[in-house]
Amino acid sequence: MAKNFVSNSTESIRMFKSSFLERLSKVHFTVPLFIFIPAIAVFIYRAFAVYQVSFLYFLGYFALGIFIWTLTEYVLHRFIFHFHPSSSWGKRIHFIFHGVHHDYPRDKKRLVMPPSVSIPLALLFYFLFYLILPEGGALSSFFAAFLLGYLAYDMMHYAMHHYNFKSSFMKKIKQHHMLHHYQDEHKGFGVSSSLWDKIFISGFPKKKDKAVTE
């Protein structure tokens, strides 16, 4: 299958005529750390200090939050980011949200989600889980993990495009994502984990998983 690689530049094309919107579309990879680490700490504090949950109670909902994040990451990437509309405006929106990343996969400032997108999405998910989960400690424990899962995804995604891992475990995860970019964008939708690609049979054949992608 033909590779999808377009450019190896660490910068991508201008997407907006407005300089303000163009700045909002770019972000240094450390910015999510400054936004979401304090948020995670607040939710953990609320779970223990405000709602006084036990460690096992916290651990149970925390593990559930990580698990649900991995599924959310897969679903968003496969069915939202890789949805290809037929209309011209739909194609434009797709390019802004994800197409530009596939055309310029090494752009240093378009590898993590900008706050203009990540914060509204985080609020949306919070209110969604607020309607589903028990109030109080359960929601705080769960959402701390959900945000941590997102933050790990963002940092790992950046590293996969700009860092040569030494551990065999991280090399395997990177190879999975690189095959998605350079071999077949219709497979390998898990970024921080290939779990759901295995469950939904959307991964790569084992012979391709053994290929070393730097």
N, C-alpha and C. Protein backbone atom coordinates (compact mmCIF):
# COMPACT_ATOMS: atom_id res chain seq x y z
N MET A 1 0.84 -1.20 0.00
CA MET A 1 0.00 0.00 0.00
C MET A 1 0.88 1.25 0.00
N ALA A 2 0.48 2.26 -0.76
CA ALA A 2 1.27 3.48 -0.83
C ALA A 2 1.29 4.19 0.51
N LYS A 3 2.43 4.78 0.82
CA LYS A 3 2.56 5.50 2.08
C LYS A 3 1.80 6.82 2.01
N ASN A 4 1.34 7.27 3.18
CA ASN A 4 0.57 8.51 3.27
C ASN A 4 1.43 9.72 3.58
N PHE A 5 2.74 9.51 3.73
CA PHE A 5 3.64 10.57 4.11
C PHE A 5 3.61 11.71 3.09
N VAL A 6 3.54 12.94 3.57
CA VAL A 6 3.53 14.09 2.67
C VAL A 6 4.74 14.98 2.92
N SER A 7 4.96 15.41 4.14
CA SER A 7 6.06 16.32 4.44
C SER A 7 6.73 15.93 5.75
N ASN A 8 8.03 16.09 5.81
CA ASN A 8 8.78 15.79 7.03
C ASN A 8 9.23 17.08 7.72
N SER A 9 8.63 18.19 7.33
CA SER A 9 8.97 19.48 7.93
C SER A 9 8.47 19.56 9.36
N THR A 10 9.19 20.29 10.20
CA THR A 10 8.76 20.50 11.59
C THR A 10 7.80 21.67 11.69
N GLU A 11 7.38 22.22 10.55
CA GLU A 11 6.36 23.25 10.50
C GLU A 11 5.35 22.88 9.42
N SER A 12 4.13 23.38 9.56
CA SER A 12 3.11 23.10 8.55
C SER A 12 2.60 24.39 7.94
N ILE A 13 1.71 24.26 6.99
CA ILE A 13 1.21 25.44 6.28
C ILE A 13 0.33 26.29 7.19
N ARG A 14 0.14 27.52 6.79
CA ARG A 14 -0.78 28.41 7.50
C ARG A 14 -2.21 27.94 7.23
N MET A 15 -3.04 27.86 8.26
CA MET A 15 -4.40 27.37 8.10
C MET A 15 -5.46 28.47 8.12
N PHE A 16 -5.15 29.60 8.75
CA PHE A 16 -6.15 30.66 8.89
C PHE A 16 -5.60 31.99 8.37
N LYS A 17 -6.46 32.78 7.77
CA LYS A 17 -6.07 34.12 7.38
C LYS A 17 -5.89 35.00 8.61
N SER A 18 -6.71 34.78 9.61
CA SER A 18 -6.63 35.54 10.86
C SER A 18 -5.39 35.11 11.66
N SER A 19 -4.56 36.06 12.01
CA SER A 19 -3.37 35.76 12.80
C SER A 19 -3.75 35.25 14.19
N PHE A 20 -4.86 35.76 14.73
CA PHE A 20 -5.33 35.32 16.04
C PHE A 20 -5.71 33.85 16.02
N LEU A 21 -6.50 33.44 15.02
CA LEU A 21 -6.90 32.04 14.90
C LEU A 21 -5.70 31.15 14.61
N GLU A 22 -4.77 31.65 13.83
CA GLU A 22 -3.57 30.87 13.51
C GLU A 22 -2.77 30.59 14.77
N ARG A 23 -2.65 31.59 15.65
CA ARG A 23 -1.93 31.40 16.90
C ARG A 23 -2.64 30.39 17.80
N LEU A 24 -3.97 30.44 17.78
CA LEU A 24 -4.74 29.49 18.61
C LEU A 24 -4.57 28.05 18.15
N SER A 25 -4.23 27.86 16.88
CA SER A 25 -4.10 26.51 16.34
C SER A 25 -2.75 25.88 16.62
N LYS A 26 -1.84 26.65 17.23
CA LYS A 26 -0.50 26.15 17.52
C LYS A 26 -0.23 26.20 19.02
N VAL A 27 0.54 25.25 19.51
CA VAL A 27 0.82 25.22 20.95
C VAL A 27 2.11 24.46 21.21
N HIS A 28 2.89 24.95 22.16
CA HIS A 28 4.09 24.22 22.59
C HIS A 28 3.65 22.99 23.35
N PHE A 29 4.39 21.91 23.20
CA PHE A 29 3.93 20.63 23.75
C PHE A 29 3.84 20.63 25.28
N THR A 30 4.48 21.57 25.96
CA THR A 30 4.42 21.59 27.42
C THR A 30 3.17 22.27 27.97
N VAL A 31 2.46 23.01 27.14
CA VAL A 31 1.30 23.77 27.62
C VAL A 31 0.24 22.89 28.30
N PRO A 32 -0.13 21.73 27.72
CA PRO A 32 -1.11 20.88 28.42
C PRO A 32 -0.69 20.48 29.83
N LEU A 33 0.61 20.37 30.07
CA LEU A 33 1.09 20.02 31.42
C LEU A 33 0.70 21.09 32.43
N PHE A 34 0.87 22.35 32.05
CA PHE A 34 0.55 23.46 32.96
C PHE A 34 -0.95 23.61 33.19
N ILE A 35 -1.75 23.15 32.24
CA ILE A 35 -3.20 23.27 32.38
C ILE A 35 -3.78 22.09 33.15
N PHE A 36 -3.38 20.87 32.78
CA PHE A 36 -4.09 19.70 33.28
C PHE A 36 -3.48 19.05 34.52
N ILE A 37 -2.19 19.25 34.79
CA ILE A 37 -1.64 18.70 36.03
C ILE A 37 -2.31 19.35 37.25
N PRO A 38 -2.47 20.69 37.28
CA PRO A 38 -3.21 21.28 38.41
C PRO A 38 -4.65 20.78 38.49
N ALA A 39 -5.30 20.61 37.34
CA ALA A 39 -6.69 20.13 37.33
C ALA A 39 -6.77 18.71 37.90
N ILE A 40 -5.84 17.86 37.52
CA ILE A 40 -5.80 16.50 38.05
C ILE A 40 -5.59 16.52 39.56
N ALA A 41 -4.68 17.38 40.01
CA ALA A 41 -4.39 17.49 41.45
C ALA A 41 -5.63 17.95 42.22
N VAL A 42 -6.41 18.86 41.64
CA VAL A 42 -7.62 19.35 42.30
C VAL A 42 -8.64 18.23 42.45
N PHE A 43 -8.82 17.43 41.41
CA PHE A 43 -9.79 16.33 41.48
C PHE A 43 -9.35 15.26 42.49
N ILE A 44 -8.06 14.99 42.54
CA ILE A 44 -7.56 14.02 43.53
C ILE A 44 -7.75 14.56 44.94
N TYR A 45 -7.45 15.85 45.12
CA TYR A 45 -7.65 16.49 46.43
C TYR A 45 -9.11 16.41 46.85
N ARG A 46 -10.01 16.70 45.92
CA ARG A 46 -11.43 16.68 46.24
C ARG A 46 -11.89 15.27 46.61
N ALA A 47 -11.34 14.27 45.92
CA ALA A 47 -11.74 12.89 46.21
C ALA A 47 -11.40 12.52 47.66
N PHE A 48 -10.19 12.88 48.09
CA PHE A 48 -9.73 12.47 49.42
C PHE A 48 -10.11 13.46 50.52
N ALA A 49 -9.91 14.76 50.27
CA ALA A 49 -10.11 15.76 51.33
C ALA A 49 -11.56 16.19 51.47
N VAL A 50 -12.26 16.32 50.36
CA VAL A 50 -13.63 16.79 50.43
C VAL A 50 -14.61 15.64 50.62
N TYR A 51 -14.45 14.59 49.79
CA TYR A 51 -15.40 13.47 49.85
C TYR A 51 -14.90 12.31 50.70
N GLN A 52 -13.62 12.38 51.10
CA GLN A 52 -13.03 11.41 52.03
C GLN A 52 -13.25 9.96 51.60
N VAL A 53 -12.95 9.69 50.35
CA VAL A 53 -13.08 8.32 49.84
C VAL A 53 -11.93 7.47 50.35
N SER A 54 -12.13 6.17 50.42
CA SER A 54 -11.05 5.26 50.79
C SER A 54 -10.11 5.08 49.61
N PHE A 55 -8.90 4.59 49.88
CA PHE A 55 -7.93 4.41 48.80
C PHE A 55 -8.44 3.40 47.78
N LEU A 56 -9.05 2.31 48.23
CA LEU A 56 -9.55 1.28 47.31
C LEU A 56 -10.69 1.82 46.45
N TYR A 57 -11.56 2.63 47.06
CA TYR A 57 -12.65 3.26 46.30
C TYR A 57 -12.07 4.16 45.21
N PHE A 58 -11.09 4.98 45.62
CA PHE A 58 -10.42 5.87 44.67
C PHE A 58 -9.76 5.06 43.56
N LEU A 59 -9.05 4.01 43.94
CA LEU A 59 -8.31 3.20 42.96
C LEU A 59 -9.25 2.56 41.95
N GLY A 60 -10.41 2.12 42.41
CA GLY A 60 -11.36 1.48 41.51
C GLY A 60 -11.86 2.43 40.44
N TYR A 61 -12.29 3.62 40.85
CA TYR A 61 -12.79 4.60 39.88
C TYR A 61 -11.65 5.20 39.06
N PHE A 62 -10.46 5.28 39.65
CA PHE A 62 -9.30 5.78 38.91
C PHE A 62 -8.96 4.82 37.77
N ALA A 63 -8.95 3.52 38.07
CA ALA A 63 -8.68 2.52 37.04
C ALA A 63 -9.74 2.57 35.94
N LEU A 64 -11.00 2.76 36.35
CA LEU A 64 -12.08 2.88 35.37
C LEU A 64 -11.89 4.09 34.47
N GLY A 65 -11.42 5.19 35.06
CA GLY A 65 -11.18 6.41 34.29
C GLY A 65 -10.11 6.22 33.23
N ILE A 66 -9.03 5.54 33.58
CA ILE A 66 -7.96 5.26 32.62
C ILE A 66 -8.49 4.37 31.50
N PHE A 67 -9.24 3.34 31.89
CA PHE A 67 -9.79 2.39 30.92
C PHE A 67 -10.73 3.10 29.94
N ILE A 68 -11.62 3.93 30.45
CA ILE A 68 -12.57 4.65 29.59
C ILE A 68 -11.84 5.66 28.71
N TRP A 69 -10.75 6.24 29.21
CA TRP A 69 -9.98 7.15 28.35
C TRP A 69 -9.44 6.42 27.13
N THR A 70 -8.88 5.22 27.32
CA THR A 70 -8.31 4.49 26.19
C THR A 70 -9.36 4.23 25.12
N LEU A 71 -10.58 3.91 25.56
CA LEU A 71 -11.67 3.70 24.59
C LEU A 71 -12.07 5.02 23.93
N THR A 72 -12.13 6.09 24.71
CA THR A 72 -12.47 7.41 24.17
C THR A 72 -11.46 7.85 23.13
N GLU A 73 -10.18 7.66 23.44
CA GLU A 73 -9.10 8.01 22.50
C GLU A 73 -9.29 7.27 21.18
N TYR A 74 -9.58 5.99 21.26
CA TYR A 74 -9.76 5.17 20.06
C TYR A 74 -10.97 5.64 19.25
N VAL A 75 -12.10 5.84 19.93
CA VAL A 75 -13.32 6.23 19.24
C VAL A 75 -13.18 7.61 18.59
N LEU A 76 -12.60 8.56 19.32
CA LEU A 76 -12.40 9.90 18.75
C LEU A 76 -11.51 9.85 17.53
N HIS A 77 -10.40 9.10 17.64
CA HIS A 77 -9.45 9.05 16.53
C HIS A 77 -10.04 8.35 15.32
N ARG A 78 -10.69 7.23 15.54
CA ARG A 78 -11.20 6.44 14.41
C ARG A 78 -12.43 7.05 13.76
N PHE A 79 -13.41 7.46 14.57
CA PHE A 79 -14.70 7.84 14.02
C PHE A 79 -14.93 9.34 13.90
N ILE A 80 -14.16 10.14 14.62
CA ILE A 80 -14.29 11.60 14.51
C ILE A 80 -13.15 12.19 13.69
N PHE A 81 -11.91 11.95 14.12
CA PHE A 81 -10.77 12.53 13.42
C PHE A 81 -10.59 11.96 12.02
N HIS A 82 -11.02 10.71 11.81
CA HIS A 82 -10.86 10.10 10.49
C HIS A 82 -12.18 9.98 9.73
N PHE A 83 -13.15 10.78 10.13
CA PHE A 83 -14.37 10.89 9.34
C PHE A 83 -14.09 11.84 8.19
N HIS A 84 -14.36 11.40 6.96
CA HIS A 84 -14.06 12.21 5.78
C HIS A 84 -15.36 12.70 5.14
N PRO A 85 -15.74 13.95 5.42
CA PRO A 85 -16.98 14.51 4.85
C PRO A 85 -16.84 14.70 3.34
N SER A 86 -17.96 14.79 2.67
CA SER A 86 -17.94 14.99 1.22
C SER A 86 -18.05 16.47 0.84
N SER A 87 -18.62 17.28 1.73
CA SER A 87 -18.78 18.71 1.42
C SER A 87 -17.45 19.45 1.54
N SER A 88 -17.35 20.57 0.86
CA SER A 88 -16.10 21.34 0.87
C SER A 88 -15.81 21.90 2.26
N TRP A 89 -16.86 22.40 2.95
CA TRP A 89 -16.65 22.95 4.30
C TRP A 89 -16.33 21.83 5.29
N GLY A 90 -16.92 20.66 5.07
CA GLY A 90 -16.61 19.51 5.93
C GLY A 90 -15.17 19.07 5.77
N LYS A 91 -14.69 19.07 4.53
CA LYS A 91 -13.30 18.71 4.27
C LYS A 91 -12.35 19.72 4.92
N ARG A 92 -12.77 20.99 4.90
CA ARG A 92 -11.96 22.05 5.53
C ARG A 92 -11.85 21.81 7.03
N ILE A 93 -12.98 21.49 7.68
CA ILE A 93 -12.98 21.23 9.11
C ILE A 93 -12.13 20.01 9.44
N HIS A 94 -12.26 18.97 8.61
CA HIS A 94 -11.46 17.76 8.83
C HIS A 94 -9.97 18.06 8.74
N PHE A 95 -9.59 18.88 7.76
CA PHE A 95 -8.18 19.23 7.60
C PHE A 95 -7.67 19.99 8.81
N ILE A 96 -8.47 20.92 9.32
CA ILE A 96 -8.06 21.72 10.48
C ILE A 96 -7.86 20.85 11.70
N PHE A 97 -8.79 19.91 11.92
CA PHE A 97 -8.74 19.10 13.14
C PHE A 97 -7.73 17.96 13.06
N HIS A 98 -7.56 17.36 11.89
CA HIS A 98 -6.67 16.19 11.85
C HIS A 98 -5.91 16.01 10.54
N GLY A 99 -6.49 16.47 9.45
CA GLY A 99 -5.83 16.28 8.15
C GLY A 99 -4.46 16.91 8.08
N VAL A 100 -4.32 18.09 8.68
CA VAL A 100 -3.03 18.78 8.66
C VAL A 100 -1.96 17.96 9.38
N HIS A 101 -2.36 17.24 10.40
CA HIS A 101 -1.40 16.40 11.14
C HIS A 101 -0.89 15.26 10.27
N HIS A 102 -1.74 14.71 9.43
CA HIS A 102 -1.30 13.62 8.55
C HIS A 102 -0.45 14.14 7.40
N ASP A 103 -0.72 15.37 6.97
CA ASP A 103 0.11 15.95 5.91
C ASP A 103 1.46 16.44 6.43
N TYR A 104 1.47 16.90 7.69
CA TYR A 104 2.68 17.41 8.32
C TYR A 104 2.85 16.76 9.70
N PRO A 105 3.16 15.47 9.74
CA PRO A 105 3.16 14.74 11.02
C PRO A 105 4.25 15.14 12.01
N ARG A 106 5.23 15.93 11.58
CA ARG A 106 6.30 16.31 12.49
C ARG A 106 6.23 17.79 12.90
N ASP A 107 5.15 18.45 12.57
CA ASP A 107 4.99 19.85 12.97
C ASP A 107 5.00 19.93 14.50
N LYS A 108 5.99 20.59 15.07
CA LYS A 108 6.19 20.62 16.52
C LYS A 108 5.07 21.33 17.27
N LYS A 109 4.36 22.22 16.62
CA LYS A 109 3.35 22.99 17.32
C LYS A 109 1.92 22.56 17.00
N ARG A 110 1.80 21.45 16.27
CA ARG A 110 0.46 20.92 16.01
C ARG A 110 0.41 19.42 16.31
N LEU A 111 1.09 19.05 17.39
CA LEU A 111 1.12 17.65 17.80
C LEU A 111 0.34 17.38 19.07
N VAL A 112 0.14 18.40 19.88
CA VAL A 112 -0.72 18.26 21.05
C VAL A 112 -1.93 19.17 20.84
N MET A 113 -3.01 18.84 21.52
CA MET A 113 -4.25 19.59 21.31
C MET A 113 -4.15 20.98 21.92
N PRO A 114 -4.46 22.03 21.16
CA PRO A 114 -4.40 23.39 21.72
C PRO A 114 -5.48 23.59 22.77
N PRO A 115 -5.24 24.45 23.76
CA PRO A 115 -6.23 24.71 24.82
C PRO A 115 -7.58 25.16 24.28
N SER A 116 -7.59 25.82 23.13
CA SER A 116 -8.85 26.28 22.54
C SER A 116 -9.77 25.11 22.20
N VAL A 117 -9.20 23.91 22.09
CA VAL A 117 -9.98 22.70 21.82
C VAL A 117 -10.04 21.80 23.04
N SER A 118 -8.90 21.60 23.70
CA SER A 118 -8.83 20.64 24.81
C SER A 118 -9.68 21.05 26.02
N ILE A 119 -9.71 22.33 26.34
CA ILE A 119 -10.49 22.78 27.51
C ILE A 119 -12.00 22.63 27.28
N PRO A 120 -12.53 23.09 26.15
CA PRO A 120 -13.97 22.85 25.92
C PRO A 120 -14.32 21.36 25.89
N LEU A 121 -13.45 20.53 25.31
CA LEU A 121 -13.71 19.09 25.27
C LEU A 121 -13.69 18.51 26.68
N ALA A 122 -12.74 18.95 27.50
CA ALA A 122 -12.66 18.46 28.87
C ALA A 122 -13.93 18.82 29.64
N LEU A 123 -14.43 20.03 29.46
CA LEU A 123 -15.67 20.46 30.12
C LEU A 123 -16.86 19.64 29.63
N LEU A 124 -16.89 19.37 28.34
CA LEU A 124 -17.97 18.57 27.77
C LEU A 124 -17.99 17.17 28.38
N PHE A 125 -16.81 16.54 28.46
CA PHE A 125 -16.74 15.21 29.03
C PHE A 125 -17.06 15.22 30.52
N TYR A 126 -16.63 16.28 31.21
CA TYR A 126 -16.93 16.36 32.64
C TYR A 126 -18.44 16.35 32.88
N PHE A 127 -19.16 17.17 32.14
CA PHE A 127 -20.62 17.24 32.35
C PHE A 127 -21.31 15.96 31.88
N LEU A 128 -20.72 15.30 30.88
CA LEU A 128 -21.26 14.00 30.46
C LEU A 128 -21.13 12.97 31.57
N PHE A 129 -19.93 12.89 32.17
CA PHE A 129 -19.72 11.93 33.24
C PHE A 129 -20.46 12.34 34.52
N TYR A 130 -20.70 13.63 34.68
CA TYR A 130 -21.47 14.12 35.82
C TYR A 130 -22.89 13.54 35.79
N LEU A 131 -23.42 13.38 34.58
CA LEU A 131 -24.77 12.84 34.42
C LEU A 131 -24.81 11.33 34.60
N ILE A 132 -23.65 10.67 34.44
CA ILE A 132 -23.61 9.21 34.46
C ILE A 132 -23.15 8.64 35.79
N LEU A 133 -22.11 9.23 36.35
CA LEU A 133 -21.48 8.67 37.54
C LEU A 133 -22.12 9.18 38.83
N PRO A 134 -21.94 8.43 39.92
CA PRO A 134 -22.40 8.94 41.23
C PRO A 134 -21.70 10.25 41.55
N GLU A 135 -22.39 11.14 42.23
CA GLU A 135 -21.80 12.43 42.57
C GLU A 135 -20.68 12.25 43.60
N GLY A 136 -19.83 13.27 43.67
CA GLY A 136 -18.82 13.30 44.72
C GLY A 136 -17.54 12.58 44.38
N GLY A 137 -17.13 11.69 45.29
CA GLY A 137 -15.82 11.05 45.18
C GLY A 137 -15.65 10.21 43.95
N ALA A 138 -16.71 9.58 43.48
CA ALA A 138 -16.61 8.73 42.29
C ALA A 138 -16.23 9.57 41.07
N LEU A 139 -16.94 10.66 40.87
CA LEU A 139 -16.67 11.53 39.72
C LEU A 139 -15.28 12.14 39.81
N SER A 140 -14.88 12.59 41.00
CA SER A 140 -13.56 13.20 41.16
C SER A 140 -12.45 12.19 40.89
N SER A 141 -12.60 10.98 41.41
CA SER A 141 -11.59 9.93 41.22
C SER A 141 -11.50 9.53 39.76
N PHE A 142 -12.66 9.35 39.15
CA PHE A 142 -12.73 8.94 37.74
C PHE A 142 -12.15 10.00 36.82
N PHE A 143 -12.55 11.26 37.03
CA PHE A 143 -12.15 12.30 36.09
C PHE A 143 -10.68 12.67 36.23
N ALA A 144 -10.12 12.51 37.42
CA ALA A 144 -8.68 12.71 37.58
C ALA A 144 -7.92 11.75 36.67
N ALA A 145 -8.38 10.50 36.63
CA ALA A 145 -7.72 9.49 35.80
C ALA A 145 -7.97 9.74 34.32
N PHE A 146 -9.19 10.16 34.00
CA PHE A 146 -9.53 10.45 32.60
C PHE A 146 -8.64 11.55 32.05
N LEU A 147 -8.45 12.61 32.83
CA LEU A 147 -7.56 13.70 32.41
C LEU A 147 -6.12 13.25 32.34
N LEU A 148 -5.70 12.39 33.28
CA LEU A 148 -4.34 11.86 33.24
C LEU A 148 -4.12 11.02 31.99
N GLY A 149 -5.13 10.25 31.62
CA GLY A 149 -5.04 9.46 30.39
C GLY A 149 -4.88 10.35 29.18
N TYR A 150 -5.68 11.43 29.13
CA TYR A 150 -5.55 12.38 28.02
C TYR A 150 -4.16 13.01 27.99
N LEU A 151 -3.67 13.43 29.15
CA LEU A 151 -2.37 14.09 29.22
C LEU A 151 -1.25 13.14 28.78
N ALA A 152 -1.34 11.89 29.20
CA ALA A 152 -0.35 10.88 28.78
C ALA A 152 -0.40 10.68 27.28
N TYR A 153 -1.60 10.66 26.74
CA TYR A 153 -1.77 10.53 25.29
C TYR A 153 -1.10 11.69 24.55
N ASP A 154 -1.35 12.91 25.01
CA ASP A 154 -0.77 14.09 24.36
C ASP A 154 0.76 14.06 24.39
N MET A 155 1.32 13.75 25.56
CA MET A 155 2.78 13.73 25.69
C MET A 155 3.40 12.59 24.89
N MET A 156 2.76 11.43 24.92
CA MET A 156 3.27 10.29 24.16
C MET A 156 3.19 10.56 22.66
N HIS A 157 2.11 11.21 22.24
CA HIS A 157 1.95 11.51 20.82
C HIS A 157 3.08 12.42 20.33
N TYR A 158 3.39 13.43 21.12
CA TYR A 158 4.49 14.32 20.74
C TYR A 158 5.81 13.54 20.67
N ALA A 159 6.05 12.74 21.71
CA ALA A 159 7.31 11.99 21.79
C ALA A 159 7.45 11.00 20.64
N MET A 160 6.36 10.39 20.21
CA MET A 160 6.43 9.42 19.13
C MET A 160 6.91 10.05 17.83
N HIS A 161 6.63 11.32 17.66
CA HIS A 161 7.04 12.00 16.43
C HIS A 161 8.41 12.69 16.54
N HIS A 162 8.95 12.79 17.78
CA HIS A 162 10.19 13.55 17.93
C HIS A 162 11.22 12.90 18.85
N TYR A 163 10.99 11.66 19.26
CA TYR A 163 11.91 11.04 20.21
C TYR A 163 12.16 9.59 19.82
N ASN A 164 13.41 9.17 19.90
CA ASN A 164 13.77 7.78 19.63
C ASN A 164 13.83 7.03 20.95
N PHE A 165 12.85 6.18 21.18
CA PHE A 165 12.76 5.45 22.43
C PHE A 165 13.82 4.35 22.52
N LYS A 166 14.22 4.06 23.75
CA LYS A 166 15.19 2.99 24.00
C LYS A 166 14.51 1.69 24.41
N SER A 167 13.40 1.82 25.16
CA SER A 167 12.73 0.61 25.65
C SER A 167 11.97 -0.08 24.53
N SER A 168 11.97 -1.41 24.55
CA SER A 168 11.28 -2.18 23.52
C SER A 168 9.77 -1.95 23.57
N PHE A 169 9.24 -1.73 24.79
CA PHE A 169 7.81 -1.49 24.95
C PHE A 169 7.38 -0.22 24.23
N MET A 170 8.13 0.88 24.45
CA MET A 170 7.78 2.14 23.83
C MET A 170 8.06 2.13 22.33
N LYS A 171 9.08 1.39 21.93
CA LYS A 171 9.36 1.25 20.49
C LYS A 171 8.18 0.59 19.78
N LYS A 172 7.58 -0.40 20.44
CA LYS A 172 6.46 -1.11 19.84
C LYS A 172 5.26 -0.19 19.70
N ILE A 173 5.01 0.64 20.74
CA ILE A 173 3.88 1.58 20.67
C ILE A 173 4.13 2.61 19.57
N LYS A 174 5.37 3.09 19.48
CA LYS A 174 5.70 4.07 18.44
C LYS A 174 5.55 3.46 17.05
N GLN A 175 6.00 2.25 16.88
CA GLN A 175 5.89 1.58 15.57
C GLN A 175 4.43 1.48 15.14
N HIS A 176 3.57 1.18 16.09
CA HIS A 176 2.14 1.06 15.80
C HIS A 176 1.59 2.38 15.25
N HIS A 177 1.98 3.48 15.88
CA HIS A 177 1.49 4.79 15.43
C HIS A 177 2.15 5.22 14.13
N MET A 178 3.42 4.92 13.96
CA MET A 178 4.10 5.29 12.72
C MET A 178 3.53 4.55 11.52
N LEU A 179 3.12 3.30 11.71
CA LEU A 179 2.48 2.56 10.63
C LEU A 179 1.15 3.22 10.24
N HIS A 180 0.46 3.77 11.23
CA HIS A 180 -0.79 4.49 10.96
C HIS A 180 -0.52 5.69 10.06
N HIS A 181 0.59 6.38 10.31
CA HIS A 181 0.93 7.57 9.52
C HIS A 181 1.53 7.23 8.17
N TYR A 182 2.47 6.31 8.15
CA TYR A 182 3.29 6.12 6.96
C TYR A 182 2.89 4.91 6.12
N GLN A 183 1.99 4.06 6.64
CA GLN A 183 1.63 2.86 5.90
C GLN A 183 0.14 2.82 5.54
N ASP A 184 -0.72 2.94 6.55
CA ASP A 184 -2.15 2.83 6.29
C ASP A 184 -2.92 3.60 7.37
N GLU A 185 -3.48 4.74 7.00
CA GLU A 185 -4.18 5.58 7.97
C GLU A 185 -5.56 5.01 8.35
N HIS A 186 -5.97 3.94 7.70
CA HIS A 186 -7.25 3.31 8.02
C HIS A 186 -7.10 2.19 9.04
N LYS A 187 -5.92 2.08 9.62
CA LYS A 187 -5.67 1.09 10.67
C LYS A 187 -4.84 1.75 11.77
N GLY A 188 -4.78 1.09 12.93
CA GLY A 188 -3.91 1.58 14.01
C GLY A 188 -4.37 2.88 14.63
N PHE A 189 -5.60 2.93 15.15
CA PHE A 189 -6.15 4.18 15.67
C PHE A 189 -5.77 4.43 17.13
N GLY A 190 -5.34 3.42 17.84
CA GLY A 190 -4.88 3.62 19.20
C GLY A 190 -3.52 4.29 19.20
N VAL A 191 -3.34 5.30 20.03
CA VAL A 191 -2.06 6.02 20.09
C VAL A 191 -1.30 5.63 21.35
N SER A 192 -1.88 5.83 22.50
CA SER A 192 -1.21 5.48 23.75
C SER A 192 -1.34 3.99 24.06
N SER A 193 -2.22 3.30 23.35
CA SER A 193 -2.41 1.87 23.55
C SER A 193 -2.99 1.26 22.29
N SER A 194 -2.58 0.03 21.98
CA SER A 194 -3.13 -0.68 20.82
C SER A 194 -4.24 -1.64 21.24
N LEU A 195 -4.69 -1.56 22.50
CA LEU A 195 -5.68 -2.48 23.05
C LEU A 195 -6.93 -2.56 22.19
N TRP A 196 -7.52 -1.41 21.86
CA TRP A 196 -8.80 -1.43 21.15
C TRP A 196 -8.64 -1.78 19.68
N ASP A 197 -7.45 -1.55 19.12
CA ASP A 197 -7.19 -2.02 17.76
C ASP A 197 -7.21 -3.55 17.71
N LYS A 198 -6.73 -4.16 18.77
CA LYS A 198 -6.76 -5.63 18.85
C LYS A 198 -8.18 -6.13 19.04
N ILE A 199 -8.94 -5.45 19.89
CA ILE A 199 -10.32 -5.87 20.16
C ILE A 199 -11.20 -5.71 18.93
N PHE A 200 -11.06 -4.60 18.21
CA PHE A 200 -11.91 -4.33 17.05
C PHE A 200 -11.23 -4.70 15.73
N ILE A 201 -10.11 -5.39 15.81
CA ILE A 201 -9.39 -5.91 14.64
C ILE A 201 -9.11 -4.80 13.63
N SER A 202 -8.55 -3.71 14.13
CA SER A 202 -8.20 -2.59 13.25
C SER A 202 -6.70 -2.30 13.30
N GLY A 203 -5.93 -3.29 13.77
CA GLY A 203 -4.48 -3.12 13.86
C GLY A 203 -3.78 -3.59 12.61
N PHE A 204 -2.48 -3.77 12.71
CA PHE A 204 -1.67 -4.20 11.58
C PHE A 204 -1.27 -5.66 11.73
N PRO A 205 -1.01 -6.34 10.60
CA PRO A 205 -0.51 -7.72 10.68
C PRO A 205 0.78 -7.77 11.49
N LYS A 206 1.02 -8.90 12.15
CA LYS A 206 2.19 -9.03 13.02
C LYS A 206 3.49 -8.78 12.28
N LYS A 207 3.57 -9.17 11.04
CA LYS A 207 4.82 -8.97 10.29
C LYS A 207 5.16 -7.50 10.15
N LYS A 208 4.09 -6.64 10.11
CA LYS A 208 4.34 -5.20 10.02
C LYS A 208 4.70 -4.63 11.37
N ASP A 209 4.13 -5.21 12.42
CA ASP A 209 4.44 -4.73 13.77
C ASP A 209 5.91 -4.93 14.10
N LYS A 210 6.57 -5.88 13.43
CA LYS A 210 7.98 -6.15 13.72
C LYS A 210 8.91 -5.18 13.01
N ALA A 211 8.37 -4.42 12.06
CA ALA A 211 9.22 -3.47 11.33
C ALA A 211 9.65 -2.36 12.26
N VAL A 212 10.90 -1.94 12.18
CA VAL A 212 11.42 -0.87 13.02
C VAL A 212 11.19 0.45 12.30
N THR A 213 10.47 1.35 12.98
CA THR A 213 10.20 2.67 12.43
C THR A 213 10.84 3.70 13.31
N GLU A 214 11.80 4.40 12.81
CA GLU A 214 12.50 5.41 13.61
C GLU A 214 11.77 6.74 13.50
